[in-house]
């Protein structure tokens, strides 16, 4: 669900590394918001990351 409809940015995976250098799995989630946008003249709700919102790639309704 947490995937940007504009740029396709989603979750990233990697490792937590403790002080003793033991590794465990972790996930970084993208900052994605459900936003009402103008698409082809009509309003539509979509999931958009905040970097696309700030850069103006999406016109909010």
PDB file of N, CA and C in Angstrom:
ATOM      1  N   UNK A   1       0.813  -1.181   0.000  1.00  0.00           N
ATOM      2  CA  UNK A   1       0.000   0.000   0.000  1.00  0.00           C
ATOM      3  C   UNK A   1       0.864   1.255   0.000  1.00  0.00           C
ATOM      4  N   UNK A   2       1.931   1.279   0.756  1.00  0.00           N
ATOM      5  CA  UNK A   2       2.730   2.493   0.916  1.00  0.00           C
ATOM      6  C   UNK A   2       3.683   2.677  -0.255  1.00  0.00           C
ATOM      7  N   UNK A   3       3.111   2.968  -1.432  1.00  0.00           N
ATOM      8  CA  UNK A   3       3.912   3.236  -2.629  1.00  0.00           C
ATOM      9  C   UNK A   3       3.385   4.517  -3.260  1.00  0.00           C
ATOM     10  N   UNK A   4       4.282   5.410  -3.615  1.00  0.00           N
ATOM     11  CA  UNK A   4       3.899   6.682  -4.223  1.00  0.00           C
ATOM     12  C   UNK A   4       3.343   6.435  -5.620  1.00  0.00           C
ATOM     13  N   UNK A   5       2.198   7.061  -5.926  1.00  0.00           N
ATOM     14  CA  UNK A   5       1.570   6.895  -7.234  1.00  0.00           C
ATOM     15  C   UNK A   5       2.314   7.675  -8.315  1.00  0.00           C
ATOM     16  N   UNK A   6       3.145   8.641  -7.934  1.00  0.00           N
ATOM     17  CA  UNK A   6       3.848   9.480  -8.903  1.00  0.00           C
ATOM     18  C   UNK A   6       5.225   8.902  -9.241  1.00  0.00           C
ATOM     19  N   UNK A   7       6.057   8.692  -8.216  1.00  0.00           N
ATOM     20  CA  UNK A   7       7.438   8.282  -8.473  1.00  0.00           C
ATOM     21  C   UNK A   7       7.698   6.810  -8.163  1.00  0.00           C
ATOM     22  N   UNK A   8       6.757   6.127  -7.509  1.00  0.00           N
ATOM     23  CA  UNK A   8       6.934   4.705  -7.220  1.00  0.00           C
ATOM     24  C   UNK A   8       7.783   4.414  -5.998  1.00  0.00           C
ATOM     25  N   UNK A   9       8.072   5.442  -5.197  1.00  0.00           N
ATOM     26  CA  UNK A   9       8.886   5.244  -3.993  1.00  0.00           C
ATOM     27  C   UNK A   9       8.119   4.393  -2.991  1.00  0.00           C
ATOM     28  N   UNK A  10       8.786   3.396  -2.414  1.00  0.00           N
ATOM     29  CA  UNK A  10       8.142   2.514  -1.446  1.00  0.00           C
ATOM     30  C   UNK A  10       9.060   2.226  -0.276  1.00  0.00           C
ATOM     31  N   UNK A  11       8.847   1.096   0.365  1.00  0.00           N
ATOM     32  CA  UNK A  11       9.641   0.719   1.531  1.00  0.00           C
ATOM     33  C   UNK A  11      11.023   0.243   1.095  1.00  0.00           C
ATOM     34  N   UNK A  12      12.030   0.521   1.961  1.00  0.00           N
ATOM     35  CA  UNK A  12      13.401   0.060   1.732  1.00  0.00           C
ATOM     36  C   UNK A  12      13.773  -0.875   2.868  1.00  0.00           C
ATOM     37  N   UNK A  13      14.609  -1.846   2.577  1.00  0.00           N
ATOM     38  CA  UNK A  13      14.976  -2.845   3.568  1.00  0.00           C
ATOM     39  C   UNK A  13      16.474  -2.816   3.813  1.00  0.00           C
ATOM     40  N   UNK A  14      16.856  -3.167   5.042  1.00  0.00           N
ATOM     41  CA  UNK A  14      18.262  -3.193   5.398  1.00  0.00           C
ATOM     42  C   UNK A  14      18.443  -3.877   6.734  1.00  0.00           C
ATOM     43  N   UNK A  15      19.498  -3.506   7.449  1.00  0.00           N
ATOM     44  CA  UNK A  15      19.819  -4.141   8.714  1.00  0.00           C
ATOM     45  C   UNK A  15      19.941  -3.122   9.826  1.00  0.00           C
ATOM     46  N   UNK A  16      19.436  -3.491  11.030  1.00  0.00           N
ATOM     47  CA  UNK A  16      19.815  -2.806  12.249  1.00  0.00           C
ATOM     48  C   UNK A  16      21.164  -3.376  12.659  1.00  0.00           C
ATOM     49  N   UNK A  17      22.115  -2.530  12.980  1.00  0.00           N
ATOM     50  CA  UNK A  17      23.419  -2.998  13.425  1.00  0.00           C
ATOM     51  C   UNK A  17      23.637  -2.484  14.839  1.00  0.00           C
ATOM     52  N   UNK A  18      23.759  -3.401  15.794  1.00  0.00           N
ATOM     53  CA  UNK A  18      23.924  -3.023  17.188  1.00  0.00           C
ATOM     54  C   UNK A  18      25.366  -2.618  17.469  1.00  0.00           C
ATOM     55  N   UNK A  19      25.617  -2.183  18.682  1.00  0.00           N
ATOM     56  CA  UNK A  19      26.970  -1.780  19.068  1.00  0.00           C
ATOM     57  C   UNK A  19      27.940  -2.965  18.981  1.00  0.00           C
ATOM     58  N   UNK A  20      27.447  -4.185  19.280  1.00  0.00           N
ATOM     59  CA  UNK A  20      28.289  -5.375  19.179  1.00  0.00           C
ATOM     60  C   UNK A  20      28.316  -5.939  17.757  1.00  0.00           C
ATOM     61  N   UNK A  21      27.733  -5.196  16.812  1.00  0.00           N
ATOM     62  CA  UNK A  21      27.741  -5.500  15.385  1.00  0.00           C
ATOM     63  C   UNK A  21      26.871  -6.710  15.028  1.00  0.00           C
ATOM     64  N   UNK A  22      25.901  -7.051  15.876  1.00  0.00           N
ATOM     65  CA  UNK A  22      24.907  -8.060  15.508  1.00  0.00           C
ATOM     66  C   UNK A  22      23.890  -7.392  14.591  1.00  0.00           C
ATOM     67  N   UNK A  23      23.389  -8.137  13.615  1.00  0.00           N
ATOM     68  CA  UNK A  23      22.484  -7.566  12.620  1.00  0.00           C
ATOM     69  C   UNK A  23      21.097  -8.191  12.738  1.00  0.00           C
ATOM     70  N   UNK A  24      20.086  -7.362  12.594  1.00  0.00           N
ATOM     71  CA  UNK A  24      18.709  -7.829  12.504  1.00  0.00           C
ATOM     72  C   UNK A  24      18.015  -7.028  11.407  1.00  0.00           C
ATOM     73  N   UNK A  25      16.990  -7.592  10.830  1.00  0.00           N
ATOM     74  CA  UNK A  25      16.318  -6.951   9.698  1.00  0.00           C
ATOM     75  C   UNK A  25      15.517  -5.735  10.150  1.00  0.00           C
ATOM     76  N   UNK A  26      15.436  -4.753   9.269  1.00  0.00           N
ATOM     77  CA  UNK A  26      14.608  -3.590   9.531  1.00  0.00           C
ATOM     78  C   UNK A  26      14.072  -3.044   8.225  1.00  0.00           C
ATOM     79  N   UNK A  27      13.133  -2.099   8.354  1.00  0.00           N
ATOM     80  CA  UNK A  27      12.478  -1.535   7.186  1.00  0.00           C
ATOM     81  C   UNK A  27      12.368  -0.025   7.354  1.00  0.00           C
ATOM     82  N   UNK A  28      12.654   0.718   6.290  1.00  0.00           N
ATOM     83  CA  UNK A  28      12.425   2.155   6.251  1.00  0.00           C
ATOM     84  C   UNK A  28      11.184   2.390   5.426  1.00  0.00           C
ATOM     85  N   UNK A  29      10.187   3.053   6.019  1.00  0.00           N
ATOM     86  CA  UNK A  29       8.953   3.344   5.288  1.00  0.00           C
ATOM     87  C   UNK A  29       9.013   4.760   4.735  1.00  0.00           C
ATOM     88  N   UNK A  30       8.539   4.930   3.510  1.00  0.00           N
ATOM     89  CA  UNK A  30       8.498   6.247   2.896  1.00  0.00           C
ATOM     90  C   UNK A  30       7.389   7.072   3.530  1.00  0.00           C
ATOM     91  N   UNK A  31       7.555   8.381   3.527  1.00  0.00           N
ATOM     92  CA  UNK A  31       6.565   9.297   4.095  1.00  0.00           C
ATOM     93  C   UNK A  31       5.498   9.538   3.039  1.00  0.00           C
ATOM     94  N   UNK A  32       4.438   8.718   3.081  1.00  0.00           N
ATOM     95  CA  UNK A  32       3.404   8.726   2.049  1.00  0.00           C
ATOM     96  C   UNK A  32       2.081   9.150   2.660  1.00  0.00           C
ATOM     97  N   UNK A  33       1.397  10.078   1.991  1.00  0.00           N
ATOM     98  CA  UNK A  33       0.129  10.624   2.456  1.00  0.00           C
ATOM     99  C   UNK A  33      -0.967  10.317   1.437  1.00  0.00           C
ATOM    100  N   UNK A  34      -2.210  10.183   1.944  1.00  0.00           N
ATOM    101  CA  UNK A  34      -3.364  10.036   1.058  1.00  0.00           C
ATOM    102  C   UNK A  34      -3.885  11.436   0.785  1.00  0.00           C
ATOM    103  N   UNK A  35      -3.842  11.856  -0.484  1.00  0.00           N
ATOM    104  CA  UNK A  35      -4.104  13.235  -0.854  1.00  0.00           C
ATOM    105  C   UNK A  35      -5.157  13.264  -1.952  1.00  0.00           C
ATOM    106  N   UNK A  36      -6.026  14.286  -1.897  1.00  0.00           N
ATOM    107  CA  UNK A  36      -6.974  14.525  -2.982  1.00  0.00           C
ATOM    108  C   UNK A  36      -6.289  15.405  -4.020  1.00  0.00           C
ATOM    109  N   UNK A  37      -6.188  14.889  -5.248  1.00  0.00           N
ATOM    110  CA  UNK A  37      -5.473  15.584  -6.320  1.00  0.00           C
ATOM    111  C   UNK A  37      -6.391  15.801  -7.501  1.00  0.00           C
ATOM    112  N   UNK A  38      -6.018  16.753  -8.350  1.00  0.00           N
ATOM    113  CA  UNK A  38      -6.736  16.971  -9.597  1.00  0.00           C
ATOM    114  C   UNK A  38      -6.086  16.118 -10.678  1.00  0.00           C
ATOM    115  N   UNK A  39      -6.882  15.202 -11.258  1.00  0.00           N
ATOM    116  CA  UNK A  39      -6.402  14.338 -12.336  1.00  0.00           C
ATOM    117  C   UNK A  39      -7.394  14.450 -13.482  1.00  0.00           C
ATOM    118  N   UNK A  40      -6.939  14.954 -14.622  1.00  0.00           N
ATOM    119  CA  UNK A  40      -7.777  15.128 -15.810  1.00  0.00           C
ATOM    120  C   UNK A  40      -9.040  15.945 -15.506  1.00  0.00           C
ATOM    121  N   UNK A  41      -8.899  16.974 -14.683  1.00  0.00           N
ATOM    122  CA  UNK A  41     -10.015  17.854 -14.382  1.00  0.00           C
ATOM    123  C   UNK A  41     -10.934  17.397 -13.262  1.00  0.00           C
ATOM    124  N   UNK A  42     -10.764  16.179 -12.773  1.00  0.00           N
ATOM    125  CA  UNK A  42     -11.608  15.681 -11.686  1.00  0.00           C
ATOM    126  C   UNK A  42     -10.751  15.389 -10.466  1.00  0.00           C
ATOM    127  N   UNK A  43     -11.393  15.366  -9.302  1.00  0.00           N
ATOM    128  CA  UNK A  43     -10.675  15.094  -8.065  1.00  0.00           C
ATOM    129  C   UNK A  43     -10.561  13.596  -7.844  1.00  0.00           C
ATOM    130  N   UNK A  44      -9.383  13.162  -7.405  1.00  0.00           N
ATOM    131  CA  UNK A  44      -9.129  11.746  -7.179  1.00  0.00           C
ATOM    132  C   UNK A  44      -8.189  11.606  -5.994  1.00  0.00           C
ATOM    133  N   UNK A  45      -8.471  10.623  -5.113  1.00  0.00           N
ATOM    134  CA  UNK A  45      -7.600  10.379  -3.974  1.00  0.00           C
ATOM    135  C   UNK A  45      -6.500   9.413  -4.385  1.00  0.00           C
ATOM    136  N   UNK A  46      -5.272   9.749  -3.999  1.00  0.00           N
ATOM    137  CA  UNK A  46      -4.141   8.889  -4.322  1.00  0.00           C
ATOM    138  C   UNK A  46      -3.088   9.000  -3.235  1.00  0.00           C
ATOM    139  N   UNK A  47      -2.201   8.015  -3.184  1.00  0.00           N
ATOM    140  CA  UNK A  47      -1.103   8.002  -2.228  1.00  0.00           C
ATOM    141  C   UNK A  47       0.114   8.640  -2.881  1.00  0.00           C
ATOM    142  N   UNK A  48       0.636   9.701  -2.241  1.00  0.00           N
ATOM    143  CA  UNK A  48       1.747  10.468  -2.808  1.00  0.00           C
ATOM    144  C   UNK A  48       2.776  10.705  -1.713  1.00  0.00           C
ATOM    145  N   UNK A  49       4.068  10.573  -2.049  1.00  0.00           N
ATOM    146  CA  UNK A  49       5.115  10.843  -1.071  1.00  0.00           C
ATOM    147  C   UNK A  49       5.274  12.351  -0.901  1.00  0.00           C
ATOM    148  N   UNK A  50       5.794  12.751   0.247  1.00  0.00           N
ATOM    149  CA  UNK A  50       5.887  14.169   0.568  1.00  0.00           C
ATOM    150  C   UNK A  50       6.908  14.897  -0.312  1.00  0.00           C
ATOM    151  N   UNK A  51       7.903  14.200  -0.837  1.00  0.00           N
ATOM    152  CA  UNK A  51       8.856  14.873  -1.726  1.00  0.00           C
ATOM    153  C   UNK A  51       8.198  15.263  -3.046  1.00  0.00           C
ATOM    154  N   UNK A  52       7.249  14.446  -3.538  1.00  0.00           N
ATOM    155  CA  UNK A  52       6.498  14.813  -4.748  1.00  0.00           C
ATOM    156  C   UNK A  52       5.533  15.961  -4.456  1.00  0.00           C
ATOM    157  N   UNK A  53       4.955  15.989  -3.255  1.00  0.00           N
ATOM    158  CA  UNK A  53       4.064  17.096  -2.883  1.00  0.00           C
ATOM    159  C   UNK A  53       4.829  18.411  -2.810  1.00  0.00           C
ATOM    160  N   UNK A  54       6.019  18.393  -2.189  1.00  0.00           N
ATOM    161  CA  UNK A  54       6.797  19.617  -2.027  1.00  0.00           C
ATOM    162  C   UNK A  54       7.340  20.124  -3.354  1.00  0.00           C
ATOM    163  N   UNK A  55       7.702  19.218  -4.266  1.00  0.00           N
ATOM    164  CA  UNK A  55       8.307  19.633  -5.525  1.00  0.00           C
ATOM    165  C   UNK A  55       7.267  20.120  -6.531  1.00  0.00           C
ATOM    166  N   UNK A  56       5.977  19.950  -6.212  1.00  0.00           N
ATOM    167  CA  UNK A  56       4.927  20.449  -7.098  1.00  0.00           C
ATOM    168  C   UNK A  56       4.572  19.515  -8.230  1.00  0.00           C
ATOM    169  N   UNK A  57       4.904  18.240  -8.134  1.00  0.00           N
ATOM    170  CA  UNK A  57       4.550  17.280  -9.168  1.00  0.00           C
ATOM    171  C   UNK A  57       3.066  16.922  -9.141  1.00  0.00           C
ATOM    172  N   UNK A  58       2.389  17.309  -8.034  1.00  0.00           N
ATOM    173  CA  UNK A  58       0.972  16.989  -7.844  1.00  0.00           C
ATOM    174  C   UNK A  58       0.231  18.289  -7.575  1.00  0.00           C
ATOM    175  N   UNK A  59      -0.934  18.462  -8.224  1.00  0.00           N
ATOM    176  CA  UNK A  59      -1.784  19.614  -7.943  1.00  0.00           C
ATOM    177  C   UNK A  59      -2.900  19.163  -7.019  1.00  0.00           C
ATOM    178  N   UNK A  60      -2.901  19.707  -5.802  1.00  0.00           N
ATOM    179  CA  UNK A  60      -3.909  19.321  -4.821  1.00  0.00           C
ATOM    180  C   UNK A  60      -5.245  19.971  -5.136  1.00  0.00           C
ATOM    181  N   UNK A  61      -6.313  19.249  -4.794  1.00  0.00           N
ATOM    182  CA  UNK A  61      -7.658  19.771  -5.047  1.00  0.00           C
ATOM    183  C   UNK A  61      -8.149  20.582  -3.869  1.00  0.00           C
TER     184      UNK A  61
END
